[in-house]
Protein backbone atom coordinates (compact mmCIF):
# COMPACT_ATOMS: atom_id res chain seq x y z
CA MET A 1 -7.18 40.23 -19.70
CA LEU A 2 -3.96 40.45 -17.68
CA ILE A 3 -5.93 40.71 -14.42
CA VAL A 4 -7.94 37.58 -15.27
CA LEU A 5 -4.74 35.63 -15.96
CA LEU A 6 -3.19 36.91 -12.75
CA VAL A 7 -6.23 35.90 -10.67
CA ALA A 8 -6.38 32.48 -12.34
CA GLY A 9 -2.65 31.96 -11.70
CA LEU A 10 -2.97 32.94 -8.04
CA ALA A 11 -5.98 30.62 -7.64
CA ALA A 12 -4.02 27.72 -9.13
CA LEU A 13 -1.00 28.41 -6.91
CA THR A 14 -3.21 28.58 -3.83
CA TYR A 15 -4.90 25.28 -4.72
CA PHE A 16 -1.58 23.47 -5.24
CA TYR A 17 -0.12 24.98 -2.05
CA ILE A 18 -3.06 23.77 0.05
CA ASP A 19 -3.05 20.35 -1.62
CA THR A 20 0.69 19.90 -1.03
CA LYS A 21 0.38 21.09 2.56
CA ASN A 22 -2.39 18.53 3.23
CA GLU A 23 -0.33 15.72 1.70
CA LEU A 24 2.71 16.65 3.81
CA ASN A 25 0.61 16.73 6.97
CA ALA A 26 -0.82 13.28 6.16
CA ALA A 27 2.69 11.93 5.50
CA LYS A 28 3.96 13.24 8.84
CA ASN A 29 1.37 11.16 10.69
CA PRO A 30 2.65 7.54 10.47
CA GLU A 31 -0.78 6.09 11.22
CA THR A 32 -2.44 8.04 8.41
CA ALA A 33 0.41 7.50 5.96
CA GLY A 34 0.38 3.74 6.55
CA LYS A 35 -3.37 3.48 6.13
CA THR A 36 -3.19 5.44 2.92
CA GLU A 37 -0.51 3.16 1.45
CA THR A 38 -2.38 0.06 2.63
CA GLU A 39 -5.61 1.34 1.10
CA GLN A 40 -3.85 2.06 -2.19
CA ILE A 41 -2.33 -1.43 -2.37
CA VAL A 42 -5.62 -3.10 -1.41
CA ASN A 43 -7.48 -1.10 -4.07
CA GLN A 44 -4.94 -2.08 -6.73
CA VAL A 45 -5.00 -5.79 -5.87
CA ASN A 46 -8.77 -5.88 -5.38
CA LYS A 47 -9.21 -5.03 -9.08
CA PHE A 48 -8.20 -8.56 -10.08
CA LEU A 49 -8.29 -10.66 -6.89
CA GLN A 50 -11.09 -10.90 -4.34
CA LEU A 51 -9.62 -9.96 -0.98
CA PRO A 52 -11.18 -10.52 2.45
CA THR A 53 -13.49 -7.63 3.32
CA ASP A 54 -14.07 -8.36 7.01
CA GLU A 55 -10.63 -7.26 8.17
CA ALA A 56 -7.95 -4.71 7.45
CA PRO A 57 -4.66 -6.29 6.37
CA THR A 58 -1.25 -5.68 7.81
CA LEU A 59 1.12 -4.23 5.22
CA ALA A 60 4.85 -4.93 5.12
CA THR A 61 7.51 -4.01 2.57
CA VAL A 62 10.33 -6.29 1.48
CA ASN A 63 13.46 -4.25 2.17
CA ASP A 64 16.23 -6.88 2.18
CA ILE A 65 15.41 -9.92 0.11
CA SER A 66 18.68 -11.63 1.07
CA LYS A 67 17.24 -12.25 4.54
CA LEU A 68 14.12 -13.90 3.13
CA LYS A 69 15.40 -16.01 0.21
CA ASN A 70 15.33 -19.24 2.23
CA GLN A 71 11.55 -18.90 2.74
CA GLN A 72 9.39 -20.45 0.01
CA PHE A 73 6.87 -17.59 0.07
CA PHE A 74 9.58 -15.06 -0.82
CA LYS A 75 11.29 -17.23 -3.46
CA ASN A 76 10.43 -14.80 -6.29
CA ALA A 77 10.30 -11.61 -4.21
CA GLN A 78 12.22 -8.42 -4.91
CA ASN A 79 13.06 -5.46 -2.72
CA GLY A 80 10.12 -3.07 -2.75
CA ASP A 81 7.47 -5.80 -3.00
CA LYS A 82 4.53 -5.47 -0.61
CA VAL A 83 3.13 -8.17 1.66
CA LEU A 84 -0.53 -8.04 2.68
CA ILE A 85 -1.29 -10.28 5.65
CA TYR A 86 -4.87 -11.17 6.49
CA SER A 87 -4.49 -12.85 9.89
CA LYS A 88 -8.20 -13.59 10.43
CA ALA A 89 -8.56 -15.16 6.96
CA GLY A 90 -5.20 -16.90 7.31
CA ARG A 91 -3.92 -15.62 3.94
CA ALA A 92 -0.93 -13.59 2.81
CA LEU A 93 -0.04 -12.23 -0.59
CA LEU A 94 3.09 -10.84 -2.12
CA TYR A 95 2.40 -7.96 -4.50
CA ARG A 96 4.77 -6.14 -6.85
CA PRO A 97 3.54 -2.54 -7.32
CA SER A 98 5.98 -1.84 -10.18
CA SER A 99 4.35 -4.48 -12.41
CA LYS A 100 0.96 -4.52 -10.63
CA LYS A 101 1.16 -8.31 -10.22
CA VAL A 102 0.51 -10.72 -7.38
CA ILE A 103 3.69 -12.77 -7.10
CA GLU A 104 2.56 -15.23 -4.41
CA TYR A 105 -0.68 -15.97 -2.54
CA ALA A 106 -0.58 -18.51 0.27
CA PRO A 107 -2.13 -19.60 3.56
CA VAL A 108 -0.41 -18.30 6.65
CA ASN A 109 -0.45 -19.65 10.20
CA LEU A 110 0.18 -16.95 12.78
CA GLY A 111 -0.68 -19.15 15.75
CA GLU A 112 -3.62 -16.90 16.73
CA GLN A 113 -6.45 -18.95 15.28
CA ASN A 114 -8.77 -20.88 17.60
CA GLN A 115 -9.33 -24.50 16.68
C-alpha cells in the first residue's frame, strides 16, 4: 500500500513539474504569452458578444488611467482593463476582466482603411 501511494505521489509531482515548466517556458516567450492572453480575453468576450472572426485583434492593457481620462472611450475605464482593437473591422472594445464585462464598444478610425 505504501509503495502504491509513493508511486502515485511521484507521478503527481512529475505531472505538476512538467506542467509548470511548460507554463514558464510559454511565459518567457513574449509572442506566445501575448497570444495566450489575447486568446483568453477573446474567448471570454466572445461568450456574450459576437466578435470579428476574420482578424486577430491587438490587445492593450490600461496601465495609467490618468493619461486617458480626457478620451471619451476611456471615460469609465480602470487600470487593468483590456482593450481589444479590430483594425480591419474598425471596432474597439474596453473589457474589464475582474467583472467580466464590456465597458465600452465603439468604432475606431486608425487611418489605415481604404475608401
